[in-house]
Amino acid sequence: MRSPLRSHEGPADTSSEGPLAATLALVYRELDNHRAVVQALSSSTAVSAVEFSVQAPLYKGSPRIVDALASAQSMADKIDVYFQHAICDEAERVRFARLFQQLYLKKNPRAERQDLFLASGDVFAFSFDLVPPMQLPVPRQAFDAIAAGPHDATLLAKLRGGSSPDRWHLKAQIRLFLDHALNPRRHEVLDVVTAAREIGVAKPYVLEVSASPSIPGYARYVLEPLVRKCGGRVVWLPT
């Protein structure tokens, strides 16, 4: 059963997670591309559960959001409300980014700019759990994708032998940095530059995916066809 929507004003619950690492980037022309990817992940047979959390100031942060949430019937509807009235609305997104900056610096007056930027990646948080690779129709394809990237050879051998990994290995988090959604610190990464050229944009939106550093290729295997179908690209980040 898929996880219900969790909307709140505190930090996302990470107590059940292992040491995930930012190993992938999603490169888009528009943030509306990501909106479609999130909806696709929510219905993917390779995904066992999804979790969505919203923090202040975005959580019920405008009358339009409150009104739209009142008529939302499902988790997908509620996610879409935040995309429509905040994330994909540039004026509102910038307004919320400024509000977040004020709130964060009030609470952390000595914080550096980088601290603010990284913290903004938790305001609009989406994570998903993958099914164990052996439950896929063709597990070998997933194993080959894992082997093609950085991986733990011992864990991969166990997976090929039919074992299921610890749950945290199957979790992935997608971070959209509200402070600067373009995420310019990644614009000089060669693979990001190449992806941007392929989709025909000079300054793409770059979202970061944190996954198990032991088998990050599995998250890429699931994300790749969905992101490409929606007009984006998945690339490796330098570690």
C-alpha atoms as a PDB file:
ATOM      1  CA  MET A   1       0.000   0.000   0.000  1.00  0.00           C
ATOM      2  CA  ARG A   2       1.317   3.439  -0.847  1.00  0.00           C
ATOM      3  CA  SER A   3       2.154   5.841   1.947  1.00  0.00           C
ATOM      4  CA  PRO A   4      -0.404   8.604   2.563  1.00  0.00           C
ATOM      5  CA  LEU A   5       0.451  12.227   1.986  1.00  0.00           C
ATOM      6  CA  ARG A   6       2.155  13.813   4.961  1.00  0.00           C
ATOM      7  CA  SER A   7       1.981  17.601   5.024  1.00  0.00           C
ATOM      8  CA  HIS A   8       3.515  19.374   7.987  1.00  0.00           C
ATOM      9  CA  GLU A   9       5.671  22.285   9.059  1.00  0.00           C
ATOM     10  CA  GLY A  10       8.532  20.325  10.596  1.00  0.00           C
ATOM     11  CA  PRO A  11      11.481  18.576   8.971  1.00  0.00           C
ATOM     12  CA  ALA A  12      10.852  15.377   7.053  1.00  0.00           C
ATOM     13  CA  ASP A  13      11.213  12.184   9.064  1.00  0.00           C
ATOM     14  CA  THR A  14      14.547  10.572   8.205  1.00  0.00           C
ATOM     15  CA  SER A  15      14.786   8.243  11.176  1.00  0.00           C
ATOM     16  CA  SER A  16      14.360   5.106   9.072  1.00  0.00           C
ATOM     17  CA  GLU A  17      16.908   6.092   6.448  1.00  0.00           C
ATOM     18  CA  GLY A  18      20.520   5.070   6.014  1.00  0.00           C
ATOM     19  CA  PRO A  19      23.311   7.329   4.723  1.00  0.00           C
ATOM     20  CA  LEU A  20      21.844   8.313   1.373  1.00  0.00           C
ATOM     21  CA  ALA A  21      24.099  10.314  -0.948  1.00  0.00           C
ATOM     22  CA  ALA A  22      23.415  12.803  -3.739  1.00  0.00           C
ATOM     23  CA  THR A  23      24.498  10.714  -6.708  1.00  0.00           C
ATOM     24  CA  LEU A  24      22.051  11.683  -9.463  1.00  0.00           C
ATOM     25  CA  ALA A  25      20.613  14.857 -10.946  1.00  0.00           C
ATOM     26  CA  LEU A  26      17.377  15.399 -12.831  1.00  0.00           C
ATOM     27  CA  VAL A  27      17.814  18.039 -15.533  1.00  0.00           C
ATOM     28  CA  TYR A  28      14.735  19.840 -16.860  1.00  0.00           C
ATOM     29  CA  ARG A  29      13.762  22.682 -19.140  1.00  0.00           C
ATOM     30  CA  GLU A  30      10.742  23.499 -16.951  1.00  0.00           C
ATOM     31  CA  LEU A  31       9.673  22.484 -13.467  1.00  0.00           C
ATOM     32  CA  ASP A  32       6.395  21.311 -14.954  1.00  0.00           C
ATOM     33  CA  ASN A  33       8.459  18.404 -16.363  1.00  0.00           C
ATOM     34  CA  HIS A  34       9.188  17.349 -12.795  1.00  0.00           C
ATOM     35  CA  ARG A  35       5.520  17.639 -11.909  1.00  0.00           C
ATOM     36  CA  ALA A  36       4.802  14.923 -14.476  1.00  0.00           C
ATOM     37  CA  VAL A  37       7.678  12.752 -13.197  1.00  0.00           C
ATOM     38  CA  VAL A  38       6.398  12.886  -9.616  1.00  0.00           C
ATOM     39  CA  GLN A  39       2.961  11.781 -10.758  1.00  0.00           C
ATOM     40  CA  ALA A  40       4.504   8.963 -12.804  1.00  0.00           C
ATOM     41  CA  LEU A  41       6.571   7.762  -9.854  1.00  0.00           C
ATOM     42  CA  SER A  42       3.476   7.719  -7.673  1.00  0.00           C
ATOM     43  CA  SER A  43       1.844   5.172  -9.971  1.00  0.00           C
ATOM     44  CA  SER A  44       4.925   3.180 -11.032  1.00  0.00           C
ATOM     45  CA  THR A  45       4.891  -0.566 -10.383  1.00  0.00           C
ATOM     46  CA  ALA A  46       8.606  -0.311  -9.502  1.00  0.00           C
ATOM     47  CA  VAL A  47       7.731   1.972  -6.573  1.00  0.00           C
ATOM     48  CA  SER A  48       6.282   0.480  -3.403  1.00  0.00           C
ATOM     49  CA  ALA A  49       5.585   3.728  -1.518  1.00  0.00           C
ATOM     50  CA  VAL A  50       5.906   7.484  -1.867  1.00  0.00           C
ATOM     51  CA  GLU A  51       6.160  10.190   0.757  1.00  0.00           C
ATOM     52  CA  PHE A  52       5.579  13.889   0.326  1.00  0.00           C
ATOM     53  CA  SER A  53       6.178  16.561   2.954  1.00  0.00           C
ATOM     54  CA  VAL A  54       5.862  20.320   2.983  1.00  0.00           C
ATOM     55  CA  GLN A  55       7.405  22.763   5.429  1.00  0.00           C
ATOM     56  CA  ALA A  56       6.779  26.403   6.244  1.00  0.00           C
ATOM     57  CA  PRO A  57       6.400  28.794   4.568  1.00  0.00           C
ATOM     58  CA  LEU A  58       5.060  26.652   1.723  1.00  0.00           C
ATOM     59  CA  TYR A  59       2.694  24.526   3.816  1.00  0.00           C
ATOM     60  CA  LYS A  60      -0.775  26.022   3.251  1.00  0.00           C
ATOM     61  CA  GLY A  61       1.172  29.160   2.419  1.00  0.00           C
ATOM     62  CA  SER A  62      -1.401  31.082   0.427  1.00  0.00           C
ATOM     63  CA  PRO A  63      -5.200  31.386   0.144  1.00  0.00           C
ATOM     64  CA  ARG A  64      -5.040  29.738  -3.284  1.00  0.00           C
ATOM     65  CA  ILE A  65      -3.226  26.714  -1.861  1.00  0.00           C
ATOM     66  CA  VAL A  66      -5.663  26.417   1.042  1.00  0.00           C
ATOM     67  CA  ASP A  67      -8.689  26.653  -1.246  1.00  0.00           C
ATOM     68  CA  ALA A  68      -7.287  24.111  -3.701  1.00  0.00           C
ATOM     69  CA  LEU A  69      -6.365  21.656  -0.938  1.00  0.00           C
ATOM     70  CA  ALA A  70      -9.928  21.783   0.359  1.00  0.00           C
ATOM     71  CA  SER A  71     -11.160  20.128  -2.830  1.00  0.00           C
ATOM     72  CA  ALA A  72      -8.212  17.770  -3.370  1.00  0.00           C
ATOM     73  CA  GLN A  73      -9.333  14.139  -3.242  1.00  0.00           C
ATOM     74  CA  SER A  74      -6.048  12.243  -3.302  1.00  0.00           C
ATOM     75  CA  MET A  75      -2.356  12.509  -2.567  1.00  0.00           C
ATOM     76  CA  ALA A  76      -1.722  13.125  -6.258  1.00  0.00           C
ATOM     77  CA  ASP A  77      -4.212  16.005  -6.181  1.00  0.00           C
ATOM     78  CA  LYS A  78      -2.519  17.543  -3.135  1.00  0.00           C
ATOM     79  CA  ILE A  79       0.931  17.271  -4.666  1.00  0.00           C
ATOM     80  CA  ASP A  80      -0.421  18.916  -7.797  1.00  0.00           C
ATOM     81  CA  VAL A  81      -1.812  21.822  -5.768  1.00  0.00           C
ATOM     82  CA  TYR A  82       1.678  22.748  -4.572  1.00  0.00           C
ATOM     83  CA  PHE A  83       3.108  22.452  -8.065  1.00  0.00           C
ATOM     84  CA  GLN A  84       0.361  24.569  -9.601  1.00  0.00           C
ATOM     85  CA  HIS A  85       0.213  27.313  -6.992  1.00  0.00           C
ATOM     86  CA  ALA A  86       3.834  27.481  -5.839  1.00  0.00           C
ATOM     87  CA  ILE A  87       6.557  25.459  -7.549  1.00  0.00           C
ATOM     88  CA  CYS A  88       5.554  26.054 -11.179  1.00  0.00           C
ATOM     89  CA  ASP A  89       4.357  29.607 -10.533  1.00  0.00           C
ATOM     90  CA  GLU A  90       7.623  31.532 -10.713  1.00  0.00           C
ATOM     91  CA  ALA A  91       6.376  34.649  -8.915  1.00  0.00           C
ATOM     92  CA  GLU A  92       4.991  32.598  -6.041  1.00  0.00           C
ATOM     93  CA  ARG A  93       8.063  30.355  -5.908  1.00  0.00           C
ATOM     94  CA  VAL A  94      10.329  33.385  -5.587  1.00  0.00           C
ATOM     95  CA  ARG A  95       8.058  34.846  -2.917  1.00  0.00           C
ATOM     96  CA  PHE A  96       8.150  31.640  -0.915  1.00  0.00           C
ATOM     97  CA  ALA A  97      11.934  31.458  -1.319  1.00  0.00           C
ATOM     98  CA  ARG A  98      12.274  34.931   0.206  1.00  0.00           C
ATOM     99  CA  LEU A  99       9.950  34.007   3.056  1.00  0.00           C
ATOM    100  CA  PHE A 100      11.978  30.878   3.722  1.00  0.00           C
ATOM    101  CA  GLN A 101      15.179  32.908   3.788  1.00  0.00           C
ATOM    102  CA  GLN A 102      13.676  35.232   6.391  1.00  0.00           C
ATOM    103  CA  LEU A 103      12.450  32.350   8.558  1.00  0.00           C
ATOM    104  CA  TYR A 104      15.701  30.426   8.305  1.00  0.00           C
ATOM    105  CA  LEU A 105      17.976  33.356   9.093  1.00  0.00           C
ATOM    106  CA  LYS A 106      15.775  34.384  12.001  1.00  0.00           C
ATOM    107  CA  LYS A 107      16.232  30.915  13.470  1.00  0.00           C
ATOM    108  CA  ASN A 108      19.884  30.580  12.355  1.00  0.00           C
ATOM    109  CA  PRO A 109      21.338  34.111  12.288  1.00  0.00           C
ATOM    110  CA  ARG A 110      24.918  32.890  11.864  1.00  0.00           C
ATOM    111  CA  ALA A 111      24.140  30.489   9.020  1.00  0.00           C
ATOM    112  CA  GLU A 112      26.196  30.708   5.848  1.00  0.00           C
ATOM    113  CA  ARG A 113      24.641  31.089   2.416  1.00  0.00           C
ATOM    114  CA  GLN A 114      25.300  27.452   1.583  1.00  0.00           C
ATOM    115  CA  ASP A 115      23.482  26.332   4.745  1.00  0.00           C
ATOM    116  CA  LEU A 116      20.415  28.279   3.683  1.00  0.00           C
ATOM    117  CA  PHE A 117      20.520  26.841   0.192  1.00  0.00           C
ATOM    118  CA  LEU A 118      20.825  23.232   1.359  1.00  0.00           C
ATOM    119  CA  ALA A 119      18.094  23.623   3.978  1.00  0.00           C
ATOM    120  CA  SER A 120      15.716  24.904   1.311  1.00  0.00           C
ATOM    121  CA  GLY A 121      15.865  21.458  -0.280  1.00  0.00           C
ATOM    122  CA  ASP A 122      13.681  20.135   2.537  1.00  0.00           C
ATOM    123  CA  VAL A 123      10.781  22.577   2.085  1.00  0.00           C
ATOM    124  CA  PHE A 124       9.195  20.616  -0.748  1.00  0.00           C
ATOM    125  CA  ALA A 125      10.324  17.046  -0.173  1.00  0.00           C
ATOM    126  CA  PHE A 126       9.457  13.952  -2.170  1.00  0.00           C
ATOM    127  CA  SER A 127      10.845  10.480  -1.548  1.00  0.00           C
ATOM    128  CA  PHE A 128      10.000   7.026  -2.785  1.00  0.00           C
ATOM    129  CA  ASP A 129      10.740   3.413  -1.942  1.00  0.00           C
ATOM    130  CA  LEU A 130      11.609   0.981  -4.720  1.00  0.00           C
ATOM    131  CA  VAL A 131      10.477  -2.616  -4.793  1.00  0.00           C
ATOM    132  CA  PRO A 132      13.320  -5.154  -4.385  1.00  0.00           C
ATOM    133  CA  PRO A 133      14.875  -5.764  -7.823  1.00  0.00           C
ATOM    134  CA  MET A 134      13.909  -9.444  -7.787  1.00  0.00           C
ATOM    135  CA  GLN A 135      10.252  -8.416  -7.849  1.00  0.00           C
ATOM    136  CA  LEU A 136      10.616  -6.725 -11.228  1.00  0.00           C
ATOM    137  CA  PRO A 137       9.473  -8.555 -14.378  1.00  0.00           C
ATOM    138  CA  VAL A 138      13.078  -8.631 -15.678  1.00  0.00           C
ATOM    139  CA  PRO A 139      15.441  -8.287 -12.676  1.00  0.00           C
ATOM    140  CA  ARG A 140      18.535  -8.768 -14.829  1.00  0.00           C
ATOM    141  CA  GLN A 141      18.028  -5.368 -16.443  1.00  0.00           C
ATOM    142  CA  ALA A 142      18.052  -3.697 -13.030  1.00  0.00           C
ATOM    143  CA  PHE A 143      21.157  -5.649 -11.988  1.00  0.00           C
ATOM    144  CA  ASP A 144      22.951  -4.593 -15.166  1.00  0.00           C
ATOM    145  CA  ALA A 145      22.010  -0.959 -14.510  1.00  0.00           C
ATOM    146  CA  ILE A 146      23.400  -1.220 -10.970  1.00  0.00           C
ATOM    147  CA  ALA A 147      26.620  -2.777 -12.281  1.00  0.00           C
ATOM    148  CA  ALA A 148      27.035   0.039 -14.830  1.00  0.00           C
ATOM    149  CA  GLY A 149      27.382   2.655 -12.089  1.00  0.00           C
ATOM    150  CA  PRO A 150      29.203   2.940  -8.771  1.00  0.00           C
ATOM    151  CA  HIS A 151      28.145   0.026  -6.604  1.00  0.00           C
ATOM    152  CA  ASP A 152      28.960  -2.354  -3.790  1.00  0.00           C
ATOM    153  CA  ALA A 153      29.970  -5.580  -5.533  1.00  0.00           C
ATOM    154  CA  THR A 154      29.146  -7.722  -2.510  1.00  0.00           C
ATOM    155  CA  LEU A 155      25.628  -6.317  -2.230  1.00  0.00           C
ATOM    156  CA  LEU A 156      25.054  -6.683  -5.962  1.00  0.00           C
ATOM    157  CA  ALA A 157      26.097 -10.330  -5.804  1.00  0.00           C
ATOM    158  CA  LYS A 158      23.583 -10.910  -3.020  1.00  0.00           C
ATOM    159  CA  LEU A 159      20.853  -9.251  -5.060  1.00  0.00           C
ATOM    160  CA  ARG A 160      21.662 -11.418  -8.068  1.00  0.00           C
ATOM    161  CA  GLY A 161      21.389 -14.406  -5.745  1.00  0.00           C
ATOM    162  CA  GLY A 162      17.840 -13.461  -4.815  1.00  0.00           C
ATOM    163  CA  SER A 163      18.367 -11.592  -1.552  1.00  0.00           C
ATOM    164  CA  SER A 164      16.481  -8.425  -0.689  1.00  0.00           C
ATOM    165  CA  PRO A 165      18.567  -5.461   0.500  1.00  0.00           C
ATOM    166  CA  ASP A 166      17.980  -3.517   3.698  1.00  0.00           C
ATOM    167  CA  ARG A 167      15.044  -1.183   3.256  1.00  0.00           C
ATOM    168  CA  TRP A 168      17.110   2.011   3.167  1.00  0.00           C
ATOM    169  CA  HIS A 169      18.945   0.813   0.063  1.00  0.00           C
ATOM    170  CA  LEU A 170      15.600   1.025  -1.746  1.00  0.00           C
ATOM    171  CA  LYS A 171      14.809   4.603  -0.717  1.00  0.00           C
ATOM    172  CA  ALA A 172      15.475   7.689  -2.818  1.00  0.00           C
ATOM    173  CA  GLN A 173      14.888  11.378  -2.120  1.00  0.00           C
ATOM    174  CA  ILE A 174      14.433  14.105  -4.709  1.00  0.00           C
ATOM    175  CA  ARG A 175      15.477  17.574  -3.582  1.00  0.00           C
ATOM    176  CA  LEU A 176      14.287  20.755  -5.227  1.00  0.00           C
ATOM    177  CA  PHE A 177      16.156  23.683  -3.716  1.00  0.00           C
ATOM    178  CA  LEU A 178      13.561  26.399  -3.173  1.00  0.00           C
ATOM    179  CA  ASP A 179      16.254  29.005  -2.503  1.00  0.00           C
ATOM    180  CA  HIS A 180      17.418  28.725  -6.139  1.00  0.00           C
ATOM    181  CA  ALA A 181      15.494  26.153  -8.155  1.00  0.00           C
ATOM    182  CA  LEU A 182      17.968  26.264 -11.037  1.00  0.00           C
ATOM    183  CA  ASN A 183      20.640  24.919  -8.659  1.00  0.00           C
ATOM    184  CA  PRO A 184      23.441  26.789 -10.478  1.00  0.00           C
ATOM    185  CA  ARG A 185      26.176  25.090  -8.431  1.00  0.00           C
ATOM    186  CA  ARG A 186      25.605  22.049 -10.684  1.00  0.00           C
ATOM    187  CA  HIS A 187      25.579  23.906 -14.000  1.00  0.00           C
ATOM    188  CA  GLU A 188      29.295  23.343 -14.541  1.00  0.00           C
ATOM    189  CA  VAL A 189      29.040  19.555 -14.169  1.00  0.00           C
ATOM    190  CA  LEU A 190      29.900  18.150 -17.597  1.00  0.00           C
ATOM    191  CA  ASP A 191      27.014  15.681 -17.701  1.00  0.00           C
ATOM    192  CA  VAL A 192      24.586  18.449 -16.715  1.00  0.00           C
ATOM    193  CA  VAL A 193      25.966  20.662 -19.487  1.00  0.00           C
ATOM    194  CA  THR A 194      25.494  17.839 -21.990  1.00  0.00           C
ATOM    195  CA  ALA A 195      21.957  17.129 -20.778  1.00  0.00           C
ATOM    196  CA  ALA A 196      21.027  20.805 -20.970  1.00  0.00           C
ATOM    197  CA  ARG A 197      22.261  20.923 -24.532  1.00  0.00           C
ATOM    198  CA  GLU A 198      20.178  17.854 -25.417  1.00  0.00           C
ATOM    199  CA  ILE A 199      16.974  19.399 -24.095  1.00  0.00           C
ATOM    200  CA  GLY A 200      17.769  22.776 -25.626  1.00  0.00           C
ATOM    201  CA  VAL A 201      18.165  25.040 -22.612  1.00  0.00           C
ATOM    202  CA  ALA A 202      21.101  27.117 -21.413  1.00  0.00           C
ATOM    203  CA  LYS A 203      20.095  27.271 -17.748  1.00  0.00           C
ATOM    204  CA  PRO A 204      18.232  24.120 -16.731  1.00  0.00           C
ATOM    205  CA  TYR A 205      16.500  23.304 -13.506  1.00  0.00           C
ATOM    206  CA  VAL A 206      18.663  20.767 -11.692  1.00  0.00           C
ATOM    207  CA  LEU A 207      17.167  18.627  -8.939  1.00  0.00           C
ATOM    208  CA  GLU A 208      19.283  16.255  -6.882  1.00  0.00           C
ATOM    209  CA  VAL A 209      18.494  12.628  -6.097  1.00  0.00           C
ATOM    210  CA  SER A 210      19.922  11.066  -2.962  1.00  0.00           C
ATOM    211  CA  ALA A 211      20.044   7.286  -3.042  1.00  0.00           C
ATOM    212  CA  SER A 212      21.979   4.420  -1.526  1.00  0.00           C
ATOM    213  CA  PRO A 213      25.627   4.876  -2.525  1.00  0.00           C
ATOM    214  CA  SER A 214      25.833   1.068  -2.747  1.00  0.00           C
ATOM    215  CA  ILE A 215      23.305   0.698  -5.594  1.00  0.00           C
ATOM    216  CA  PRO A 216      22.459   4.165  -6.992  1.00  0.00           C
ATOM    217  CA  GLY A 217      22.116   2.670 -10.454  1.00  0.00           C
ATOM    218  CA  TYR A 218      18.831   1.086  -9.380  1.00  0.00           C
ATOM    219  CA  ALA A 219      17.253   4.495  -8.740  1.00  0.00           C
ATOM    220  CA  ARG A 220      18.588   5.656 -12.102  1.00  0.00           C
ATOM    221  CA  TYR A 221      17.162   2.570 -13.806  1.00  0.00           C
ATOM    222  CA  VAL A 222      13.671   3.407 -12.523  1.00  0.00           C
ATOM    223  CA  LEU A 223      13.915   7.157 -13.054  1.00  0.00           C
ATOM    224  CA  GLU A 224      15.483   7.196 -16.517  1.00  0.00           C
ATOM    225  CA  PRO A 225      12.482   6.206 -18.680  1.00  0.00           C
ATOM    226  CA  LEU A 226      10.055   8.349 -16.684  1.00  0.00           C
ATOM    227  CA  VAL A 227      12.232  11.463 -16.771  1.00  0.00           C
ATOM    228  CA  ARG A 228      13.021  11.090 -20.476  1.00  0.00           C
ATOM    229  CA  LYS A 229       9.354  10.615 -21.316  1.00  0.00           C
ATOM    230  CA  CYS A 230       8.648  13.895 -19.534  1.00  0.00           C
ATOM    231  CA  GLY A 231      11.370  15.752 -21.438  1.00  0.00           C
ATOM    232  CA  GLY A 232      14.200  15.666 -18.910  1.00  0.00           C
ATOM    233  CA  ARG A 233      17.457  13.823 -18.393  1.00  0.00           C
ATOM    234  CA  VAL A 234      19.038  11.818 -15.563  1.00  0.00           C
ATOM    235  CA  VAL A 235      22.791  12.211 -15.043  1.00  0.00           C
ATOM    236  CA  TRP A 236      25.427  11.150 -12.548  1.00  0.00           C
ATOM    237  CA  LEU A 237      26.752  13.709 -10.114  1.00  0.00           C
ATOM    238  CA  PRO A 238      30.437  13.718  -9.199  1.00  0.00           C
ATOM    239  CA  THR A 239      31.142  12.155  -5.819  1.00  0.00           C
END
